[in-house]
Amino acid sequence: AKGADLGMGERSFLMPLKINKTDTSG
């Protein structure tokens, strides 16, 4: 079971990672 996502949205070398701070649905 994944439990939760760590990041949200696009992942790339040039983009800061947006962290999931609220979604606990898993």
mmCIF file of all heavy atoms, coordinates in Angstrom:
data_MODEL
# 
_entry.id   MODEL 
# 
loop_
_atom_site.group_PDB 
_atom_site.id 
_atom_site.type_symbol 
_atom_site.label_atom_id 
_atom_site.label_alt_id 
_atom_site.label_comp_id 
_atom_site.label_asym_id 
_atom_site.label_entity_id 
_atom_site.label_seq_id 
_atom_site.pdbx_PDB_ins_code 
_atom_site.Cartn_x 
_atom_site.Cartn_y 
_atom_site.Cartn_z 
_atom_site.occupancy 
_atom_site.B_iso_or_equiv 
_atom_site.pdbx_formal_charge 
_atom_site.auth_seq_id 
_atom_site.auth_comp_id 
_atom_site.auth_asym_id 
_atom_site.auth_atom_id 
_atom_site.pdbx_PDB_model_num 
ATOM 1   N N   . ALA A 1 1  ? 0.859  -1.180 0.000   1.00 0.00 ? 1  ALA A N   1 
ATOM 2   C CA  . ALA A 1 1  ? 0.000  0.000  0.000   1.00 0.00 ? 1  ALA A CA  1 
ATOM 3   C C   . ALA A 1 1  ? 0.896  1.231  0.000   1.00 0.00 ? 1  ALA A C   1 
ATOM 4   O O   . ALA A 1 1  ? 1.858  1.302  0.773   1.00 0.00 ? 1  ALA A O   1 
ATOM 5   C CB  . ALA A 1 1  ? -0.923 0.010  1.208   1.00 0.00 ? 1  ALA A CB  1 
ATOM 6   N N   . LYS A 1 2  ? 0.582  2.170  -0.844  1.00 0.00 ? 2  LYS A N   1 
ATOM 7   C CA  . LYS A 1 2  ? 1.394  3.386  -0.942  1.00 0.00 ? 2  LYS A CA  1 
ATOM 8   C C   . LYS A 1 2  ? 1.246  4.260  0.291   1.00 0.00 ? 2  LYS A C   1 
ATOM 9   O O   . LYS A 1 2  ? 2.212  4.836  0.789   1.00 0.00 ? 2  LYS A O   1 
ATOM 10  C CB  . LYS A 1 2  ? 1.012  4.164  -2.199  1.00 0.00 ? 2  LYS A CB  1 
ATOM 11  C CG  . LYS A 1 2  ? 1.933  5.321  -2.521  1.00 0.00 ? 2  LYS A CG  1 
ATOM 12  C CD  . LYS A 1 2  ? 1.561  5.929  -3.871  1.00 0.00 ? 2  LYS A CD  1 
ATOM 13  C CE  . LYS A 1 2  ? 2.598  6.930  -4.333  1.00 0.00 ? 2  LYS A CE  1 
ATOM 14  N NZ  . LYS A 1 2  ? 2.267  7.486  -5.665  1.00 0.00 ? 2  LYS A NZ  1 
ATOM 15  N N   . GLY A 1 3  ? 0.030  4.391  0.774   1.00 0.00 ? 3  GLY A N   1 
ATOM 16  C CA  . GLY A 1 3  ? -0.219 5.186  1.973   1.00 0.00 ? 3  GLY A CA  1 
ATOM 17  C C   . GLY A 1 3  ? -0.396 6.661  1.699   1.00 0.00 ? 3  GLY A C   1 
ATOM 18  O O   . GLY A 1 3  ? -1.338 7.286  2.181   1.00 0.00 ? 3  GLY A O   1 
ATOM 19  N N   . ALA A 1 4  ? 0.505  7.239  0.928   1.00 0.00 ? 4  ALA A N   1 
ATOM 20  C CA  . ALA A 1 4  ? 0.438  8.671  0.602   1.00 0.00 ? 4  ALA A CA  1 
ATOM 21  C C   . ALA A 1 4  ? 1.449  8.985  -0.483  1.00 0.00 ? 4  ALA A C   1 
ATOM 22  O O   . ALA A 1 4  ? 2.427  8.252  -0.678  1.00 0.00 ? 4  ALA A O   1 
ATOM 23  C CB  . ALA A 1 4  ? 0.717  9.527  1.834   1.00 0.00 ? 4  ALA A CB  1 
ATOM 24  N N   . ASP A 1 5  ? 1.195  10.065 -1.185  1.00 0.00 ? 5  ASP A N   1 
ATOM 25  C CA  . ASP A 1 5  ? 2.176  10.593 -2.127  1.00 0.00 ? 5  ASP A CA  1 
ATOM 26  C C   . ASP A 1 5  ? 3.154  11.486 -1.380  1.00 0.00 ? 5  ASP A C   1 
ATOM 27  O O   . ASP A 1 5  ? 2.781  12.185 -0.433  1.00 0.00 ? 5  ASP A O   1 
ATOM 28  C CB  . ASP A 1 5  ? 1.491  11.405 -3.227  1.00 0.00 ? 5  ASP A CB  1 
ATOM 29  C CG  . ASP A 1 5  ? 0.748  10.531 -4.210  1.00 0.00 ? 5  ASP A CG  1 
ATOM 30  O OD1 . ASP A 1 5  ? 1.310  9.518  -4.643  1.00 0.00 ? 5  ASP A OD1 1 
ATOM 31  O OD2 . ASP A 1 5  ? -0.416 10.864 -4.534  1.00 0.00 ? 5  ASP A OD2 1 
ATOM 32  N N   . LEU A 1 6  ? 4.402  11.464 -1.804  1.00 0.00 ? 6  LEU A N   1 
ATOM 33  C CA  . LEU A 1 6  ? 5.398  12.363 -1.230  1.00 0.00 ? 6  LEU A CA  1 
ATOM 34  C C   . LEU A 1 6  ? 5.360  13.716 -1.926  1.00 0.00 ? 6  LEU A C   1 
ATOM 35  O O   . LEU A 1 6  ? 5.256  14.765 -1.288  1.00 0.00 ? 6  LEU A O   1 
ATOM 36  C CB  . LEU A 1 6  ? 6.788  11.748 -1.338  1.00 0.00 ? 6  LEU A CB  1 
ATOM 37  C CG  . LEU A 1 6  ? 7.975  12.600 -0.880  1.00 0.00 ? 6  LEU A CG  1 
ATOM 38  C CD1 . LEU A 1 6  ? 7.767  13.140 0.525   1.00 0.00 ? 6  LEU A CD1 1 
ATOM 39  C CD2 . LEU A 1 6  ? 9.263  11.800 -0.968  1.00 0.00 ? 6  LEU A CD2 1 
ATOM 40  N N   . GLY A 1 7  ? 5.434  13.681 -3.254  1.00 0.00 ? 7  GLY A N   1 
ATOM 41  C CA  . GLY A 1 7  ? 5.395  14.906 -4.031  1.00 0.00 ? 7  GLY A CA  1 
ATOM 42  C C   . GLY A 1 7  ? 4.130  15.021 -4.843  1.00 0.00 ? 7  GLY A C   1 
ATOM 43  O O   . GLY A 1 7  ? 3.379  14.057 -5.010  1.00 0.00 ? 7  GLY A O   1 
ATOM 44  N N   . MET A 1 8  ? 3.902  16.220 -5.328  1.00 0.00 ? 8  MET A N   1 
ATOM 45  C CA  . MET A 1 8  ? 2.713  16.481 -6.135  1.00 0.00 ? 8  MET A CA  1 
ATOM 46  C C   . MET A 1 8  ? 3.127  17.225 -7.396  1.00 0.00 ? 8  MET A C   1 
ATOM 47  O O   . MET A 1 8  ? 4.016  18.076 -7.369  1.00 0.00 ? 8  MET A O   1 
ATOM 48  C CB  . MET A 1 8  ? 1.705  17.324 -5.346  1.00 0.00 ? 8  MET A CB  1 
ATOM 49  C CG  . MET A 1 8  ? 1.293  16.730 -4.013  1.00 0.00 ? 8  MET A CG  1 
ATOM 50  S SD  . MET A 1 8  ? 0.355  17.885 -2.992  1.00 0.00 ? 8  MET A SD  1 
ATOM 51  C CE  . MET A 1 8  ? -1.100 18.116 -4.000  1.00 0.00 ? 8  MET A CE  1 
ATOM 52  N N   . GLY A 1 9  ? 2.504  16.896 -8.500  1.00 0.00 ? 9  GLY A N   1 
ATOM 53  C CA  . GLY A 1 9  ? 2.763  17.623 -9.737  1.00 0.00 ? 9  GLY A CA  1 
ATOM 54  C C   . GLY A 1 9  ? 4.032  17.177 -10.433 1.00 0.00 ? 9  GLY A C   1 
ATOM 55  O O   . GLY A 1 9  ? 4.546  16.081 -10.221 1.00 0.00 ? 9  GLY A O   1 
ATOM 56  N N   . GLU A 1 10 ? 4.578  18.081 -11.248 1.00 0.00 ? 10 GLU A N   1 
ATOM 57  C CA  . GLU A 1 10 ? 5.713  17.768 -12.112 1.00 0.00 ? 10 GLU A CA  1 
ATOM 58  C C   . GLU A 1 10 ? 6.996  17.565 -11.322 1.00 0.00 ? 10 GLU A C   1 
ATOM 59  O O   . GLU A 1 10 ? 7.253  18.250 -10.344 1.00 0.00 ? 10 GLU A O   1 
ATOM 60  C CB  . GLU A 1 10 ? 5.900  18.903 -13.120 1.00 0.00 ? 10 GLU A CB  1 
ATOM 61  C CG  . GLU A 1 10 ? 7.022  18.670 -14.116 1.00 0.00 ? 10 GLU A CG  1 
ATOM 62  C CD  . GLU A 1 10 ? 7.196  19.841 -15.069 1.00 0.00 ? 10 GLU A CD  1 
ATOM 63  O OE1 . GLU A 1 10 ? 6.347  20.759 -15.036 1.00 0.00 ? 10 GLU A OE1 1 
ATOM 64  O OE2 . GLU A 1 10 ? 8.178  19.840 -15.828 1.00 0.00 ? 10 GLU A OE2 1 
ATOM 65  N N   . ARG A 1 11 ? 7.792  16.591 -11.750 1.00 0.00 ? 11 ARG A N   1 
ATOM 66  C CA  . ARG A 1 11 ? 9.112  16.350 -11.181 1.00 0.00 ? 11 ARG A CA  1 
ATOM 67  C C   . ARG A 1 11 ? 10.140 16.537 -12.291 1.00 0.00 ? 11 ARG A C   1 
ATOM 68  O O   . ARG A 1 11 ? 10.008 15.950 -13.346 1.00 0.00 ? 11 ARG A O   1 
ATOM 69  C CB  . ARG A 1 11 ? 9.244  14.925 -10.638 1.00 0.00 ? 11 ARG A CB  1 
ATOM 70  C CG  . ARG A 1 11 ? 8.273  14.558 -9.564  1.00 0.00 ? 11 ARG A CG  1 
ATOM 71  C CD  . ARG A 1 11 ? 8.289  13.046 -9.320  1.00 0.00 ? 11 ARG A CD  1 
ATOM 72  N NE  . ARG A 1 11 ? 9.555  12.565 -8.804  1.00 0.00 ? 11 ARG A NE  1 
ATOM 73  C CZ  . ARG A 1 11 ? 10.459 11.894 -9.497  1.00 0.00 ? 11 ARG A CZ  1 
ATOM 74  N NH1 . ARG A 1 11 ? 10.237 11.625 -10.764 1.00 0.00 ? 11 ARG A NH1 1 
ATOM 75  N NH2 . ARG A 1 11 ? 11.579 11.476 -8.935  1.00 0.00 ? 11 ARG A NH2 1 
ATOM 76  N N   . SER A 1 12 ? 11.179 17.341 -12.021 1.00 0.00 ? 12 SER A N   1 
ATOM 77  C CA  . SER A 1 12 ? 12.241 17.513 -13.012 1.00 0.00 ? 12 SER A CA  1 
ATOM 78  C C   . SER A 1 12 ? 13.463 18.109 -12.350 1.00 0.00 ? 12 SER A C   1 
ATOM 79  O O   . SER A 1 12 ? 13.398 18.611 -11.221 1.00 0.00 ? 12 SER A O   1 
ATOM 80  C CB  . SER A 1 12 ? 11.786 18.423 -14.164 1.00 0.00 ? 12 SER A CB  1 
ATOM 81  O OG  . SER A 1 12 ? 11.791 19.776 -13.769 1.00 0.00 ? 12 SER A OG  1 
ATOM 82  N N   . PHE A 1 13 ? 14.573 18.059 -13.085 1.00 0.00 ? 13 PHE A N   1 
ATOM 83  C CA  . PHE A 1 13 ? 15.838 18.608 -12.578 1.00 0.00 ? 13 PHE A CA  1 
ATOM 84  C C   . PHE A 1 13 ? 15.726 20.103 -12.310 1.00 0.00 ? 13 PHE A C   1 
ATOM 85  O O   . PHE A 1 13 ? 16.334 20.633 -11.385 1.00 0.00 ? 13 PHE A O   1 
ATOM 86  C CB  . PHE A 1 13 ? 16.952 18.336 -13.590 1.00 0.00 ? 13 PHE A CB  1 
ATOM 87  C CG  . PHE A 1 13 ? 18.288 18.876 -13.179 1.00 0.00 ? 13 PHE A CG  1 
ATOM 88  C CD1 . PHE A 1 13 ? 19.116 18.150 -12.342 1.00 0.00 ? 13 PHE A CD1 1 
ATOM 89  C CD2 . PHE A 1 13 ? 18.727 20.122 -13.621 1.00 0.00 ? 13 PHE A CD2 1 
ATOM 90  C CE1 . PHE A 1 13 ? 20.363 18.655 -11.950 1.00 0.00 ? 13 PHE A CE1 1 
ATOM 91  C CE2 . PHE A 1 13 ? 19.960 20.629 -13.242 1.00 0.00 ? 13 PHE A CE2 1 
ATOM 92  C CZ  . PHE A 1 13 ? 20.775 19.893 -12.402 1.00 0.00 ? 13 PHE A CZ  1 
ATOM 93  N N   . LEU A 1 14 ? 14.938 20.806 -13.139 1.00 0.00 ? 14 LEU A N   1 
ATOM 94  C CA  . LEU A 1 14 ? 14.903 22.260 -13.065 1.00 0.00 ? 14 LEU A CA  1 
ATOM 95  C C   . LEU A 1 14 ? 13.742 22.816 -12.254 1.00 0.00 ? 14 LEU A C   1 
ATOM 96  O O   . LEU A 1 14 ? 13.617 24.028 -12.094 1.00 0.00 ? 14 LEU A O   1 
ATOM 97  C CB  . LEU A 1 14 ? 14.843 22.846 -14.482 1.00 0.00 ? 14 LEU A CB  1 
ATOM 98  C CG  . LEU A 1 14 ? 16.096 22.647 -15.335 1.00 0.00 ? 14 LEU A CG  1 
ATOM 99  C CD1 . LEU A 1 14 ? 15.875 23.154 -16.742 1.00 0.00 ? 14 LEU A CD1 1 
ATOM 100 C CD2 . LEU A 1 14 ? 17.298 23.348 -14.716 1.00 0.00 ? 14 LEU A CD2 1 
ATOM 101 N N   . MET A 1 15 ? 12.879 21.946 -11.737 1.00 0.00 ? 15 MET A N   1 
ATOM 102 C CA  . MET A 1 15 ? 11.707 22.411 -11.016 1.00 0.00 ? 15 MET A CA  1 
ATOM 103 C C   . MET A 1 15 ? 11.780 22.004 -9.549  1.00 0.00 ? 15 MET A C   1 
ATOM 104 O O   . MET A 1 15 ? 12.128 20.866 -9.225  1.00 0.00 ? 15 MET A O   1 
ATOM 105 C CB  . MET A 1 15 ? 10.436 21.811 -11.631 1.00 0.00 ? 15 MET A CB  1 
ATOM 106 C CG  . MET A 1 15 ? 10.157 22.253 -13.056 1.00 0.00 ? 15 MET A CG  1 
ATOM 107 S SD  . MET A 1 15 ? 9.651  23.990 -13.150 1.00 0.00 ? 15 MET A SD  1 
ATOM 108 C CE  . MET A 1 15 ? 8.067  23.906 -12.330 1.00 0.00 ? 15 MET A CE  1 
ATOM 109 N N   . PRO A 1 16 ? 11.436 22.895 -8.620  1.00 0.00 ? 16 PRO A N   1 
ATOM 110 C CA  . PRO A 1 16 ? 11.354 22.491 -7.213  1.00 0.00 ? 16 PRO A CA  1 
ATOM 111 C C   . PRO A 1 16 ? 10.209 21.513 -7.015  1.00 0.00 ? 16 PRO A C   1 
ATOM 112 O O   . PRO A 1 16 ? 9.164  21.616 -7.673  1.00 0.00 ? 16 PRO A O   1 
ATOM 113 C CB  . PRO A 1 16 ? 11.098 23.818 -6.484  1.00 0.00 ? 16 PRO A CB  1 
ATOM 114 C CG  . PRO A 1 16 ? 10.472 24.713 -7.514  1.00 0.00 ? 16 PRO A CG  1 
ATOM 115 C CD  . PRO A 1 16 ? 11.089 24.320 -8.823  1.00 0.00 ? 16 PRO A CD  1 
ATOM 116 N N   . LEU A 1 17 ? 10.394 20.564 -6.122  1.00 0.00 ? 17 LEU A N   1 
ATOM 117 C CA  . LEU A 1 17 ? 9.377  19.550 -5.878  1.00 0.00 ? 17 LEU A CA  1 
ATOM 118 C C   . LEU A 1 17 ? 8.324  20.104 -4.929  1.00 0.00 ? 17 LEU A C   1 
ATOM 119 O O   . LEU A 1 17 ? 8.637  20.635 -3.867  1.00 0.00 ? 17 LEU A O   1 
ATOM 120 C CB  . LEU A 1 17 ? 10.011 18.292 -5.275  1.00 0.00 ? 17 LEU A CB  1 
ATOM 121 C CG  . LEU A 1 17 ? 9.059  17.116 -5.053  1.00 0.00 ? 17 LEU A CG  1 
ATOM 122 C CD1 . LEU A 1 17 ? 8.680  16.486 -6.380  1.00 0.00 ? 17 LEU A CD1 1 
ATOM 123 C CD2 . LEU A 1 17 ? 9.694  16.084 -4.131  1.00 0.00 ? 17 LEU A CD2 1 
ATOM 124 N N   . LYS A 1 18 ? 7.070  19.965 -5.306  1.00 0.00 ? 18 LYS A N   1 
ATOM 125 C CA  . LYS A 1 18 ? 5.972  20.372 -4.440  1.00 0.00 ? 18 LYS A CA  1 
ATOM 126 C C   . LYS A 1 18 ? 5.610  19.200 -3.539  1.00 0.00 ? 18 LYS A C   1 
ATOM 127 O O   . LYS A 1 18 ? 5.269  18.123 -4.017  1.00 0.00 ? 18 LYS A O   1 
ATOM 128 C CB  . LYS A 1 18 ? 4.763  20.808 -5.271  1.00 0.00 ? 18 LYS A CB  1 
ATOM 129 C CG  . LYS A 1 18 ? 3.619  21.367 -4.424  1.00 0.00 ? 18 LYS A CG  1 
ATOM 130 C CD  . LYS A 1 18 ? 2.468  21.841 -5.298  1.00 0.00 ? 18 LYS A CD  1 
ATOM 131 C CE  . LYS A 1 18 ? 1.333  22.402 -4.454  1.00 0.00 ? 18 LYS A CE  1 
ATOM 132 N NZ  . LYS A 1 18 ? 0.200  22.852 -5.303  1.00 0.00 ? 18 LYS A NZ  1 
ATOM 133 N N   . ILE A 1 19 ? 5.676  19.408 -2.225  1.00 0.00 ? 19 ILE A N   1 
ATOM 134 C CA  . ILE A 1 19 ? 5.468  18.329 -1.263  1.00 0.00 ? 19 ILE A CA  1 
ATOM 135 C C   . ILE A 1 19 ? 3.993  18.215 -0.890  1.00 0.00 ? 19 ILE A C   1 
ATOM 136 O O   . ILE A 1 19 ? 3.307  19.217 -0.677  1.00 0.00 ? 19 ILE A O   1 
ATOM 137 C CB  . ILE A 1 19 ? 6.305  18.580 0.011   1.00 0.00 ? 19 ILE A CB  1 
ATOM 138 C CG1 . ILE A 1 19 ? 7.802  18.626 -0.336  1.00 0.00 ? 19 ILE A CG1 1 
ATOM 139 C CG2 . ILE A 1 19 ? 6.048  17.509 1.058   1.00 0.00 ? 19 ILE A CG2 1 
ATOM 140 C CD1 . ILE A 1 19 ? 8.365  17.336 -0.860  1.00 0.00 ? 19 ILE A CD1 1 
ATOM 141 N N   . ASN A 1 20 ? 3.515  16.985 -0.797  1.00 0.00 ? 20 ASN A N   1 
ATOM 142 C CA  . ASN A 1 20 ? 2.164  16.725 -0.312  1.00 0.00 ? 20 ASN A CA  1 
ATOM 143 C C   . ASN A 1 20 ? 2.127  16.889 1.205   1.00 0.00 ? 20 ASN A C   1 
ATOM 144 O O   . ASN A 1 20 ? 2.722  16.099 1.935   1.00 0.00 ? 20 ASN A O   1 
ATOM 145 C CB  . ASN A 1 20 ? 1.740  15.310 -0.697  1.00 0.00 ? 20 ASN A CB  1 
ATOM 146 C CG  . ASN A 1 20 ? 0.479  14.871 0.020   1.00 0.00 ? 20 ASN A CG  1 
ATOM 147 O OD1 . ASN A 1 20 ? -0.401 15.682 0.314   1.00 0.00 ? 20 ASN A OD1 1 
ATOM 148 N ND2 . ASN A 1 20 ? 0.386  13.582 0.313   1.00 0.00 ? 20 ASN A ND2 1 
ATOM 149 N N   . LYS A 1 21 ? 1.427  17.895 1.676   1.00 0.00 ? 21 LYS A N   1 
ATOM 150 C CA  . LYS A 1 21 ? 1.347  18.163 3.103   1.00 0.00 ? 21 LYS A CA  1 
ATOM 151 C C   . LYS A 1 21 ? -0.048 17.924 3.690   1.00 0.00 ? 21 LYS A C   1 
ATOM 152 O O   . LYS A 1 21 ? -0.240 18.077 4.897   1.00 0.00 ? 21 LYS A O   1 
ATOM 153 C CB  . LYS A 1 21 ? 1.768  19.604 3.384   1.00 0.00 ? 21 LYS A CB  1 
ATOM 154 C CG  . LYS A 1 21 ? 3.199  19.912 2.994   1.00 0.00 ? 21 LYS A CG  1 
ATOM 155 C CD  . LYS A 1 21 ? 3.564  21.361 3.293   1.00 0.00 ? 21 LYS A CD  1 
ATOM 156 C CE  . LYS A 1 21 ? 5.001  21.661 2.888   1.00 0.00 ? 21 LYS A CE  1 
ATOM 157 N NZ  . LYS A 1 21 ? 5.362  23.085 3.162   1.00 0.00 ? 21 LYS A NZ  1 
ATOM 158 N N   . THR A 1 22 ? -0.999 17.541 2.846   1.00 0.00 ? 22 THR A N   1 
ATOM 159 C CA  . THR A 1 22 ? -2.384 17.448 3.329   1.00 0.00 ? 22 THR A CA  1 
ATOM 160 C C   . THR A 1 22 ? -3.113 16.159 2.982   1.00 0.00 ? 22 THR A C   1 
ATOM 161 O O   . THR A 1 22 ? -3.999 15.735 3.725   1.00 0.00 ? 22 THR A O   1 
ATOM 162 C CB  . THR A 1 22 ? -3.196 18.622 2.771   1.00 0.00 ? 22 THR A CB  1 
ATOM 163 O OG1 . THR A 1 22 ? -3.136 18.603 1.331   1.00 0.00 ? 22 THR A OG1 1 
ATOM 164 C CG2 . THR A 1 22 ? -2.653 19.956 3.273   1.00 0.00 ? 22 THR A CG2 1 
ATOM 165 N N   . ASP A 1 23 ? -2.780 15.524 1.883   1.00 0.00 ? 23 ASP A N   1 
ATOM 166 C CA  . ASP A 1 23 ? -3.564 14.385 1.404   1.00 0.00 ? 23 ASP A CA  1 
ATOM 167 C C   . ASP A 1 23 ? -3.199 13.102 2.149   1.00 0.00 ? 23 ASP A C   1 
ATOM 168 O O   . ASP A 1 23 ? -2.121 12.539 1.955   1.00 0.00 ? 23 ASP A O   1 
ATOM 169 C CB  . ASP A 1 23 ? -3.345 14.204 -0.096  1.00 0.00 ? 23 ASP A CB  1 
ATOM 170 C CG  . ASP A 1 23 ? -4.211 13.087 -0.687  1.00 0.00 ? 23 ASP A CG  1 
ATOM 171 O OD1 . ASP A 1 23 ? -5.040 12.515 0.055   1.00 0.00 ? 23 ASP A OD1 1 
ATOM 172 O OD2 . ASP A 1 23 ? -4.051 12.796 -1.883  1.00 0.00 ? 23 ASP A OD2 1 
ATOM 173 N N   . THR A 1 24 ? -4.097 12.647 3.011   1.00 0.00 ? 24 THR A N   1 
ATOM 174 C CA  . THR A 1 24 ? -3.907 11.401 3.768   1.00 0.00 ? 24 THR A CA  1 
ATOM 175 C C   . THR A 1 24 ? -4.940 10.357 3.385   1.00 0.00 ? 24 THR A C   1 
ATOM 176 O O   . THR A 1 24 ? -5.197 9.421  4.140   1.00 0.00 ? 24 THR A O   1 
ATOM 177 C CB  . THR A 1 24 ? -3.983 11.685 5.274   1.00 0.00 ? 24 THR A CB  1 
ATOM 178 O OG1 . THR A 1 24 ? -5.274 12.235 5.580   1.00 0.00 ? 24 THR A OG1 1 
ATOM 179 C CG2 . THR A 1 24 ? -2.910 12.664 5.711   1.00 0.00 ? 24 THR A CG2 1 
ATOM 180 N N   . SER A 1 25 ? -5.508 10.507 2.208   1.00 0.00 ? 25 SER A N   1 
ATOM 181 C CA  . SER A 1 25 ? -6.604 9.617  1.807   1.00 0.00 ? 25 SER A CA  1 
ATOM 182 C C   . SER A 1 25 ? -6.174 8.165  1.662   1.00 0.00 ? 25 SER A C   1 
ATOM 183 O O   . SER A 1 25 ? -7.013 7.257  1.718   1.00 0.00 ? 25 SER A O   1 
ATOM 184 C CB  . SER A 1 25 ? -7.215 10.111 0.493   1.00 0.00 ? 25 SER A CB  1 
ATOM 185 O OG  . SER A 1 25 ? -6.226 10.169 -0.533  1.00 0.00 ? 25 SER A OG  1 
ATOM 186 N N   . GLY A 1 26 ? -4.877 7.921  1.476   1.00 0.00 ? 26 GLY A N   1 
ATOM 187 C CA  . GLY A 1 26 ? -4.404 6.545  1.336   1.00 0.00 ? 26 GLY A CA  1 
ATOM 188 C C   . GLY A 1 26 ? -4.053 5.866  2.644   1.00 0.00 ? 26 GLY A C   1 
ATOM 189 O O   . GLY A 1 26 ? -3.680 4.683  2.666   1.00 0.00 ? 26 GLY A O   1 
# 
